[in-house]
Amino acid sequence: MAGTATPATTLLARQRVDHRIHSYAHDARADSYGSEAVDALAGRVGVTAHQIFKTLVIKLDTGKLAVAVLPVPEMLSLKTAAAALGASKAVMADRGEAERSTGYVFGGISPLGQRKSLPTVIDASAMGWDRVLCSAGRRGVEIELAPADLVRLSGAVVAAVTAG
């Protein structure tokens, strides 16, 4: 699909991973990028909101950045995400630091094809689906793929990281 090439989609093509790219018109005024993706895609591509995952960059108490990938409607438990990644605590990373480290813009950070590959945890709920969607590395573009491929290519650990 023209205009959707990103480091994430290039990685998927290079690795010959079965995937689909979905795009939608991003509204620059959107205050929740994940909700925007759910509203644009959930019914259109035959998935539920819980199959569309957001990518959050966190800062561990070790000083390292990391990535948590979880369903858009859910809230992240920073404590369980930190524990899954071998740390005691975590806070949300600074927007600028997240962008510089991943090479992606805020609201379009993909767990794949990052400039600097960060330790990643993917919520265990992903494994209950045959396919999930996550950011392709650009606002308004999502990748649909098997959760096992997402885990493998991101080098992620899988753990329950949602609050509640």
N, C-alpha and C. Protein backbone atom coordinates (compact mmCIF):
# COMPACT_ATOMS: atom_id res chain seq x y z
N MET A 1 0.84 -1.17 0.00
CA MET A 1 0.00 0.00 0.00
C MET A 1 0.89 1.24 0.00
N ALA A 2 0.68 2.12 -0.95
CA ALA A 2 1.51 3.30 -1.10
C ALA A 2 1.47 4.18 0.14
N GLY A 3 2.61 4.72 0.51
CA GLY A 3 2.67 5.64 1.64
C GLY A 3 2.64 4.99 3.01
N THR A 4 2.75 3.68 3.08
CA THR A 4 2.69 3.02 4.38
C THR A 4 4.01 2.33 4.74
N ALA A 5 5.04 2.55 3.94
CA ALA A 5 6.34 1.93 4.26
C ALA A 5 6.94 2.62 5.49
N THR A 6 7.28 1.81 6.47
CA THR A 6 7.92 2.28 7.70
C THR A 6 8.97 1.23 8.05
N PRO A 7 9.84 1.51 9.01
CA PRO A 7 10.77 0.46 9.44
C PRO A 7 10.04 -0.81 9.90
N ALA A 8 8.87 -0.66 10.50
CA ALA A 8 8.11 -1.84 10.96
C ALA A 8 7.62 -2.66 9.77
N THR A 9 7.03 -2.01 8.78
CA THR A 9 6.51 -2.76 7.63
C THR A 9 7.65 -3.34 6.80
N THR A 10 8.76 -2.63 6.75
CA THR A 10 9.94 -3.14 6.04
C THR A 10 10.46 -4.40 6.73
N LEU A 11 10.50 -4.39 8.06
CA LEU A 11 10.93 -5.57 8.82
C LEU A 11 10.02 -6.76 8.52
N LEU A 12 8.72 -6.53 8.54
CA LEU A 12 7.77 -7.62 8.28
C LEU A 12 7.95 -8.19 6.87
N ALA A 13 8.14 -7.33 5.90
CA ALA A 13 8.35 -7.79 4.52
C ALA A 13 9.66 -8.57 4.41
N ARG A 14 10.72 -8.03 5.02
CA ARG A 14 12.03 -8.69 4.96
C ARG A 14 12.00 -10.06 5.62
N GLN A 15 11.26 -10.18 6.71
CA GLN A 15 11.15 -11.45 7.43
C GLN A 15 10.08 -12.38 6.84
N ARG A 16 9.39 -11.90 5.80
CA ARG A 16 8.32 -12.66 5.13
C ARG A 16 7.23 -13.09 6.12
N VAL A 17 6.85 -12.16 6.98
CA VAL A 17 5.81 -12.42 7.96
C VAL A 17 4.46 -12.07 7.34
N ASP A 18 3.50 -12.98 7.47
CA ASP A 18 2.16 -12.74 6.97
C ASP A 18 1.55 -11.58 7.76
N HIS A 19 1.15 -10.54 7.07
CA HIS A 19 0.56 -9.38 7.73
C HIS A 19 -0.28 -8.59 6.74
N ARG A 20 -1.11 -7.73 7.29
CA ARG A 20 -1.90 -6.80 6.49
C ARG A 20 -1.69 -5.41 7.05
N ILE A 21 -1.74 -4.43 6.17
CA ILE A 21 -1.61 -3.04 6.59
C ILE A 21 -2.97 -2.37 6.43
N HIS A 22 -3.39 -1.67 7.47
CA HIS A 22 -4.65 -0.94 7.45
C HIS A 22 -4.35 0.53 7.70
N SER A 23 -4.94 1.38 6.90
CA SER A 23 -4.74 2.81 7.13
C SER A 23 -6.09 3.51 7.26
N TYR A 24 -6.05 4.65 7.89
CA TYR A 24 -7.23 5.47 8.07
C TYR A 24 -6.77 6.92 8.12
N ALA A 25 -7.71 7.83 7.92
CA ALA A 25 -7.37 9.25 7.94
C ALA A 25 -7.16 9.69 9.38
N HIS A 26 -5.92 10.00 9.71
CA HIS A 26 -5.59 10.48 11.06
C HIS A 26 -6.03 11.92 11.21
N ASP A 27 -6.70 12.21 12.31
CA ASP A 27 -7.12 13.57 12.64
C ASP A 27 -6.09 14.17 13.58
N ALA A 28 -5.41 15.20 13.15
CA ALA A 28 -4.35 15.83 13.96
C ALA A 28 -4.88 16.36 15.28
N ARG A 29 -6.19 16.54 15.40
CA ARG A 29 -6.78 17.04 16.64
C ARG A 29 -7.13 15.91 17.61
N ALA A 30 -6.92 14.67 17.20
CA ALA A 30 -7.27 13.52 18.06
C ALA A 30 -6.48 13.59 19.36
N ASP A 31 -7.16 13.35 20.48
CA ASP A 31 -6.47 13.38 21.77
C ASP A 31 -6.11 11.99 22.27
N SER A 32 -6.63 10.96 21.60
CA SER A 32 -6.28 9.59 21.95
C SER A 32 -6.04 8.81 20.66
N TYR A 33 -4.78 8.57 20.36
CA TYR A 33 -4.44 7.89 19.11
C TYR A 33 -4.99 6.47 19.08
N GLY A 34 -4.97 5.77 20.21
CA GLY A 34 -5.49 4.41 20.27
C GLY A 34 -6.98 4.37 20.02
N SER A 35 -7.72 5.27 20.67
CA SER A 35 -9.17 5.31 20.47
C SER A 35 -9.51 5.67 19.03
N GLU A 36 -8.72 6.53 18.44
CA GLU A 36 -8.93 6.89 17.04
C GLU A 36 -8.79 5.65 16.15
N ALA A 37 -7.78 4.83 16.42
CA ALA A 37 -7.58 3.60 15.64
C ALA A 37 -8.74 2.64 15.84
N VAL A 38 -9.19 2.49 17.07
CA VAL A 38 -10.34 1.61 17.36
C VAL A 38 -11.57 2.10 16.60
N ASP A 39 -11.87 3.39 16.70
CA ASP A 39 -13.05 3.95 16.04
C ASP A 39 -12.98 3.76 14.53
N ALA A 40 -11.79 3.90 13.96
CA ALA A 40 -11.63 3.81 12.51
C ALA A 40 -11.61 2.38 12.00
N LEU A 41 -11.09 1.44 12.79
CA LEU A 41 -10.82 0.11 12.25
C LEU A 41 -11.62 -1.05 12.83
N ALA A 42 -12.03 -0.98 14.08
CA ALA A 42 -12.61 -2.16 14.73
C ALA A 42 -13.69 -2.82 13.90
N GLY A 43 -14.72 -2.12 13.53
CA GLY A 43 -15.79 -2.71 12.74
C GLY A 43 -15.38 -2.97 11.30
N ARG A 44 -14.57 -2.09 10.75
CA ARG A 44 -14.19 -2.17 9.34
C ARG A 44 -13.36 -3.40 9.00
N VAL A 45 -12.48 -3.81 9.88
CA VAL A 45 -11.61 -4.96 9.57
C VAL A 45 -11.98 -6.21 10.35
N GLY A 46 -13.10 -6.16 11.07
CA GLY A 46 -13.59 -7.36 11.74
C GLY A 46 -12.84 -7.77 12.99
N VAL A 47 -12.38 -6.79 13.75
CA VAL A 47 -11.73 -7.07 15.03
C VAL A 47 -12.42 -6.28 16.12
N THR A 48 -12.20 -6.67 17.36
CA THR A 48 -12.74 -5.93 18.49
C THR A 48 -11.70 -4.92 18.98
N ALA A 49 -12.14 -4.01 19.82
CA ALA A 49 -11.23 -3.02 20.39
C ALA A 49 -10.08 -3.68 21.14
N HIS A 50 -10.34 -4.85 21.75
CA HIS A 50 -9.30 -5.54 22.52
C HIS A 50 -8.27 -6.25 21.65
N GLN A 51 -8.46 -6.24 20.34
CA GLN A 51 -7.46 -6.80 19.42
C GLN A 51 -6.56 -5.71 18.85
N ILE A 52 -6.86 -4.47 19.16
CA ILE A 52 -6.04 -3.34 18.70
C ILE A 52 -5.19 -2.90 19.89
N PHE A 53 -3.88 -3.00 19.71
CA PHE A 53 -2.94 -2.77 20.80
C PHE A 53 -2.21 -1.44 20.66
N LYS A 54 -2.00 -0.81 21.81
CA LYS A 54 -1.24 0.44 21.85
C LYS A 54 0.16 0.13 22.34
N THR A 55 1.08 0.97 21.95
CA THR A 55 2.49 0.83 22.32
C THR A 55 2.86 1.99 23.24
N LEU A 56 3.22 1.68 24.47
CA LEU A 56 3.59 2.70 25.44
C LEU A 56 5.06 2.56 25.80
N VAL A 57 5.77 3.65 25.81
CA VAL A 57 7.18 3.63 26.20
C VAL A 57 7.25 4.03 27.67
N ILE A 58 7.93 3.20 28.44
CA ILE A 58 8.07 3.42 29.88
C ILE A 58 9.54 3.53 30.24
N LYS A 59 9.79 4.12 31.38
CA LYS A 59 11.16 4.21 31.89
C LYS A 59 11.23 3.40 33.17
N LEU A 60 12.11 2.40 33.16
CA LEU A 60 12.27 1.53 34.31
C LEU A 60 13.14 2.20 35.37
N ASP A 61 13.04 1.73 36.61
CA ASP A 61 13.86 2.31 37.67
C ASP A 61 15.35 2.02 37.48
N THR A 62 15.68 1.19 36.51
CA THR A 62 17.08 0.95 36.15
C THR A 62 17.62 2.07 35.27
N GLY A 63 16.72 2.97 34.83
CA GLY A 63 17.10 4.06 33.94
C GLY A 63 16.89 3.73 32.48
N LYS A 64 16.59 2.48 32.17
CA LYS A 64 16.39 2.06 30.78
C LYS A 64 14.96 2.29 30.33
N LEU A 65 14.81 2.59 29.04
CA LEU A 65 13.49 2.66 28.45
C LEU A 65 13.04 1.26 28.07
N ALA A 66 11.75 1.06 28.03
CA ALA A 66 11.17 -0.22 27.63
C ALA A 66 9.81 0.06 26.99
N VAL A 67 9.22 -0.99 26.44
CA VAL A 67 7.95 -0.85 25.74
C VAL A 67 6.93 -1.81 26.33
N ALA A 68 5.72 -1.32 26.52
CA ALA A 68 4.59 -2.17 26.94
C ALA A 68 3.53 -2.08 25.84
N VAL A 69 3.04 -3.24 25.43
CA VAL A 69 2.05 -3.32 24.36
C VAL A 69 0.80 -3.97 24.95
N LEU A 70 -0.32 -3.26 24.89
CA LEU A 70 -1.53 -3.74 25.52
C LEU A 70 -2.76 -3.26 24.76
N PRO A 71 -3.92 -3.90 24.99
CA PRO A 71 -5.13 -3.49 24.28
C PRO A 71 -5.47 -2.02 24.55
N VAL A 72 -5.92 -1.34 23.52
CA VAL A 72 -6.25 0.08 23.63
C VAL A 72 -7.20 0.38 24.79
N PRO A 73 -8.27 -0.40 25.00
CA PRO A 73 -9.21 -0.03 26.08
C PRO A 73 -8.66 -0.21 27.49
N GLU A 74 -7.55 -0.87 27.64
CA GLU A 74 -7.02 -1.20 28.96
C GLU A 74 -6.02 -0.16 29.45
N MET A 75 -5.83 -0.13 30.77
CA MET A 75 -4.83 0.73 31.39
C MET A 75 -3.62 -0.13 31.74
N LEU A 76 -2.44 0.45 31.63
CA LEU A 76 -1.21 -0.25 31.96
C LEU A 76 -0.96 -0.23 33.46
N SER A 77 -0.57 -1.38 33.99
CA SER A 77 -0.07 -1.44 35.36
C SER A 77 1.44 -1.29 35.26
N LEU A 78 1.92 -0.12 35.63
CA LEU A 78 3.36 0.14 35.56
C LEU A 78 4.14 -0.85 36.42
N LYS A 79 3.59 -1.21 37.57
CA LYS A 79 4.27 -2.12 38.48
C LYS A 79 4.44 -3.51 37.86
N THR A 80 3.37 -4.05 37.26
CA THR A 80 3.50 -5.39 36.67
C THR A 80 4.34 -5.37 35.39
N ALA A 81 4.27 -4.27 34.64
CA ALA A 81 5.12 -4.16 33.45
C ALA A 81 6.59 -4.13 33.86
N ALA A 82 6.90 -3.35 34.89
CA ALA A 82 8.27 -3.28 35.39
C ALA A 82 8.74 -4.65 35.85
N ALA A 83 7.92 -5.34 36.61
CA ALA A 83 8.29 -6.67 37.12
C ALA A 83 8.53 -7.65 35.97
N ALA A 84 7.71 -7.59 34.94
CA ALA A 84 7.87 -8.50 33.80
C ALA A 84 9.19 -8.25 33.08
N LEU A 85 9.70 -7.02 33.21
CA LEU A 85 10.95 -6.65 32.55
C LEU A 85 12.14 -6.63 33.51
N GLY A 86 11.95 -7.20 34.70
CA GLY A 86 13.04 -7.34 35.65
C GLY A 86 13.37 -6.10 36.46
N ALA A 87 12.42 -5.19 36.58
CA ALA A 87 12.64 -3.97 37.37
C ALA A 87 11.61 -3.91 38.48
N SER A 88 11.80 -2.98 39.40
CA SER A 88 10.88 -2.82 40.52
C SER A 88 9.76 -1.83 40.22
N LYS A 89 10.12 -0.76 39.53
CA LYS A 89 9.18 0.31 39.25
C LYS A 89 9.36 0.83 37.84
N ALA A 90 8.34 1.54 37.38
CA ALA A 90 8.42 2.20 36.07
C ALA A 90 7.53 3.43 36.09
N VAL A 91 7.85 4.36 35.24
CA VAL A 91 7.01 5.54 35.00
C VAL A 91 6.88 5.69 33.49
N MET A 92 5.91 6.46 33.07
CA MET A 92 5.78 6.72 31.64
C MET A 92 7.00 7.53 31.19
N ALA A 93 7.52 7.18 30.05
CA ALA A 93 8.70 7.87 29.52
C ALA A 93 8.34 9.25 29.00
N ASP A 94 9.31 10.12 29.01
CA ASP A 94 9.16 11.44 28.41
C ASP A 94 8.93 11.27 26.92
N ARG A 95 7.98 12.03 26.39
CA ARG A 95 7.62 11.94 24.97
C ARG A 95 8.83 12.10 24.04
N GLY A 96 9.63 13.10 24.27
CA GLY A 96 10.80 13.34 23.43
C GLY A 96 11.80 12.20 23.50
N GLU A 97 12.02 11.69 24.70
CA GLU A 97 12.94 10.57 24.88
C GLU A 97 12.43 9.33 24.16
N ALA A 98 11.12 9.09 24.21
CA ALA A 98 10.52 7.95 23.53
C ALA A 98 10.68 8.08 22.02
N GLU A 99 10.46 9.27 21.50
CA GLU A 99 10.59 9.48 20.06
C GLU A 99 12.03 9.33 19.60
N ARG A 100 12.96 9.90 20.35
CA ARG A 100 14.38 9.79 19.96
C ARG A 100 14.86 8.35 19.98
N SER A 101 14.45 7.61 20.99
CA SER A 101 14.91 6.24 21.14
C SER A 101 14.32 5.31 20.08
N THR A 102 13.02 5.45 19.81
CA THR A 102 12.36 4.53 18.88
C THR A 102 12.48 4.96 17.43
N GLY A 103 12.63 6.25 17.19
CA GLY A 103 12.67 6.75 15.82
C GLY A 103 11.27 7.00 15.26
N TYR A 104 10.27 6.86 16.09
CA TYR A 104 8.89 7.07 15.68
C TYR A 104 8.30 8.28 16.40
N VAL A 105 7.25 8.87 15.82
CA VAL A 105 6.58 9.99 16.47
C VAL A 105 5.55 9.47 17.46
N PHE A 106 5.34 10.24 18.50
CA PHE A 106 4.36 9.92 19.53
C PHE A 106 3.00 9.73 18.85
N GLY A 107 2.30 8.66 19.24
CA GLY A 107 1.03 8.34 18.60
C GLY A 107 1.20 7.42 17.41
N GLY A 108 2.45 7.16 17.05
CA GLY A 108 2.74 6.25 15.93
C GLY A 108 3.90 5.34 16.26
N ILE A 109 4.18 5.15 17.54
CA ILE A 109 5.31 4.30 17.93
C ILE A 109 4.91 2.83 17.76
N SER A 110 5.72 2.13 17.01
CA SER A 110 5.48 0.70 16.77
C SER A 110 6.40 -0.12 17.66
N PRO A 111 5.94 -1.30 18.07
CA PRO A 111 6.83 -2.19 18.82
C PRO A 111 7.87 -2.86 17.90
N LEU A 112 7.74 -2.65 16.60
CA LEU A 112 8.64 -3.27 15.62
C LEU A 112 9.45 -2.22 14.88
N GLY A 113 10.67 -2.56 14.52
CA GLY A 113 11.48 -1.69 13.68
C GLY A 113 11.95 -0.42 14.36
N GLN A 114 12.11 -0.46 15.66
CA GLN A 114 12.56 0.73 16.39
C GLN A 114 14.03 1.02 16.09
N ARG A 115 14.37 2.30 16.15
CA ARG A 115 15.76 2.72 15.93
C ARG A 115 16.69 1.98 16.89
N LYS A 116 16.28 1.94 18.16
CA LYS A 116 17.02 1.22 19.19
C LYS A 116 16.03 0.23 19.80
N SER A 117 16.24 -1.04 19.57
CA SER A 117 15.30 -2.05 20.05
C SER A 117 15.25 -2.03 21.57
N LEU A 118 14.06 -1.80 22.10
CA LEU A 118 13.88 -1.70 23.54
C LEU A 118 13.30 -2.99 24.11
N PRO A 119 13.62 -3.30 25.37
CA PRO A 119 12.97 -4.44 26.03
C PRO A 119 11.46 -4.24 25.94
N THR A 120 10.76 -5.30 25.64
CA THR A 120 9.33 -5.19 25.37
C THR A 120 8.55 -6.25 26.13
N VAL A 121 7.39 -5.85 26.64
CA VAL A 121 6.43 -6.79 27.24
C VAL A 121 5.11 -6.60 26.49
N ILE A 122 4.52 -7.72 26.11
CA ILE A 122 3.23 -7.71 25.44
C ILE A 122 2.22 -8.36 26.37
N ASP A 123 1.08 -7.69 26.53
CA ASP A 123 0.05 -8.22 27.42
C ASP A 123 -0.37 -9.62 26.98
N ALA A 124 -0.51 -10.50 27.96
CA ALA A 124 -0.84 -11.91 27.71
C ALA A 124 -2.15 -12.09 26.94
N SER A 125 -3.03 -11.13 27.01
CA SER A 125 -4.31 -11.25 26.29
C SER A 125 -4.11 -11.37 24.79
N ALA A 126 -2.99 -10.88 24.29
CA ALA A 126 -2.73 -10.97 22.84
C ALA A 126 -2.73 -12.41 22.36
N MET A 127 -2.25 -13.30 23.22
CA MET A 127 -2.11 -14.70 22.81
C MET A 127 -3.46 -15.41 22.66
N GLY A 128 -4.52 -14.79 23.11
CA GLY A 128 -5.86 -15.37 22.97
C GLY A 128 -6.51 -15.06 21.63
N TRP A 129 -5.85 -14.28 20.80
CA TRP A 129 -6.39 -13.90 19.50
C TRP A 129 -5.58 -14.56 18.38
N ASP A 130 -6.22 -14.78 17.24
CA ASP A 130 -5.48 -15.29 16.08
C ASP A 130 -4.74 -14.17 15.37
N ARG A 131 -5.21 -12.92 15.57
CA ARG A 131 -4.54 -11.76 14.97
C ARG A 131 -4.79 -10.54 15.85
N VAL A 132 -3.81 -9.67 15.86
CA VAL A 132 -3.90 -8.41 16.60
C VAL A 132 -3.42 -7.30 15.68
N LEU A 133 -3.75 -6.09 16.03
CA LEU A 133 -3.28 -4.92 15.31
C LEU A 133 -2.42 -4.08 16.24
N CYS A 134 -1.38 -3.48 15.67
CA CYS A 134 -0.55 -2.54 16.41
C CYS A 134 -0.06 -1.49 15.44
N SER A 135 0.52 -0.44 15.96
CA SER A 135 0.99 0.64 15.10
C SER A 135 2.04 0.16 14.13
N ALA A 136 1.94 0.67 12.91
CA ALA A 136 2.92 0.37 11.88
C ALA A 136 4.08 1.37 11.91
N GLY A 137 4.00 2.34 12.83
CA GLY A 137 5.08 3.31 12.93
C GLY A 137 4.73 4.66 12.33
N ARG A 138 3.46 4.86 12.06
CA ARG A 138 2.98 6.14 11.55
C ARG A 138 1.54 6.30 12.03
N ARG A 139 1.18 7.50 12.43
CA ARG A 139 -0.20 7.75 12.84
C ARG A 139 -1.11 7.46 11.65
N GLY A 140 -2.17 6.69 11.92
CA GLY A 140 -3.13 6.36 10.87
C GLY A 140 -2.80 5.10 10.10
N VAL A 141 -1.78 4.36 10.54
CA VAL A 141 -1.40 3.11 9.86
C VAL A 141 -1.18 2.03 10.92
N GLU A 142 -1.89 0.92 10.76
CA GLU A 142 -1.79 -0.21 11.69
C GLU A 142 -1.39 -1.47 10.94
N ILE A 143 -0.72 -2.36 11.64
CA ILE A 143 -0.32 -3.67 11.11
C ILE A 143 -1.19 -4.73 11.76
N GLU A 144 -1.71 -5.64 10.97
CA GLU A 144 -2.44 -6.81 11.49
C GLU A 144 -1.54 -8.02 11.30
N LEU A 145 -1.31 -8.76 12.39
CA LEU A 145 -0.44 -9.93 12.32
C LEU A 145 -0.76 -10.89 13.44
N ALA A 146 -0.20 -12.08 13.36
CA ALA A 146 -0.38 -13.07 14.42
C ALA A 146 0.39 -12.61 15.65
N PRO A 147 -0.19 -12.77 16.84
CA PRO A 147 0.50 -12.32 18.05
C PRO A 147 1.84 -13.02 18.25
N ALA A 148 1.96 -14.28 17.86
CA ALA A 148 3.24 -14.98 18.01
C ALA A 148 4.33 -14.31 17.18
N ASP A 149 3.97 -13.79 16.00
CA ASP A 149 4.96 -13.08 15.17
C ASP A 149 5.34 -11.76 15.83
N LEU A 150 4.38 -11.07 16.42
CA LEU A 150 4.67 -9.82 17.12
C LEU A 150 5.63 -10.07 18.28
N VAL A 151 5.38 -11.11 19.03
CA VAL A 151 6.25 -11.46 20.17
C VAL A 151 7.65 -11.80 19.67
N ARG A 152 7.74 -12.64 18.66
CA ARG A 152 9.03 -13.09 18.15
C ARG A 152 9.85 -11.92 17.60
N LEU A 153 9.24 -11.10 16.76
CA LEU A 153 9.98 -10.03 16.11
C LEU A 153 10.35 -8.88 17.05
N SER A 154 9.58 -8.70 18.10
CA SER A 154 9.89 -7.64 19.06
C SER A 154 10.80 -8.14 20.18
N GLY A 155 11.01 -9.48 20.23
CA GLY A 155 11.81 -10.05 21.31
C GLY A 155 11.15 -9.90 22.65
N ALA A 156 9.84 -9.85 22.66
CA ALA A 156 9.08 -9.54 23.87
C ALA A 156 8.93 -10.71 24.82
N VAL A 157 8.69 -10.34 26.06
CA VAL A 157 8.17 -11.28 27.04
C VAL A 157 6.66 -11.09 27.06
N VAL A 158 5.94 -12.10 27.44
CA VAL A 158 4.49 -12.02 27.51
C VAL A 158 4.08 -12.12 28.98
N ALA A 159 3.28 -11.17 29.42
CA ALA A 159 2.82 -11.14 30.81
C ALA A 159 1.55 -10.32 30.90
N ALA A 160 0.76 -10.57 31.91
CA ALA A 160 -0.43 -9.76 32.16
C ALA A 160 0.04 -8.40 32.72
N VAL A 161 -0.19 -7.34 31.97
CA VAL A 161 0.32 -6.02 32.38
C VAL A 161 -0.78 -4.96 32.48
N THR A 162 -2.03 -5.41 32.39
CA THR A 162 -3.10 -4.42 32.50
C THR A 162 -3.50 -4.24 33.96
N ALA A 163 -4.00 -3.07 34.26
CA ALA A 163 -4.46 -2.76 35.62
C ALA A 163 -5.91 -3.21 35.76
N GLY A 164 -6.17 -4.07 36.67
CA GLY A 164 -7.55 -4.46 36.91
C GLY A 164 -7.97 -5.78 36.41
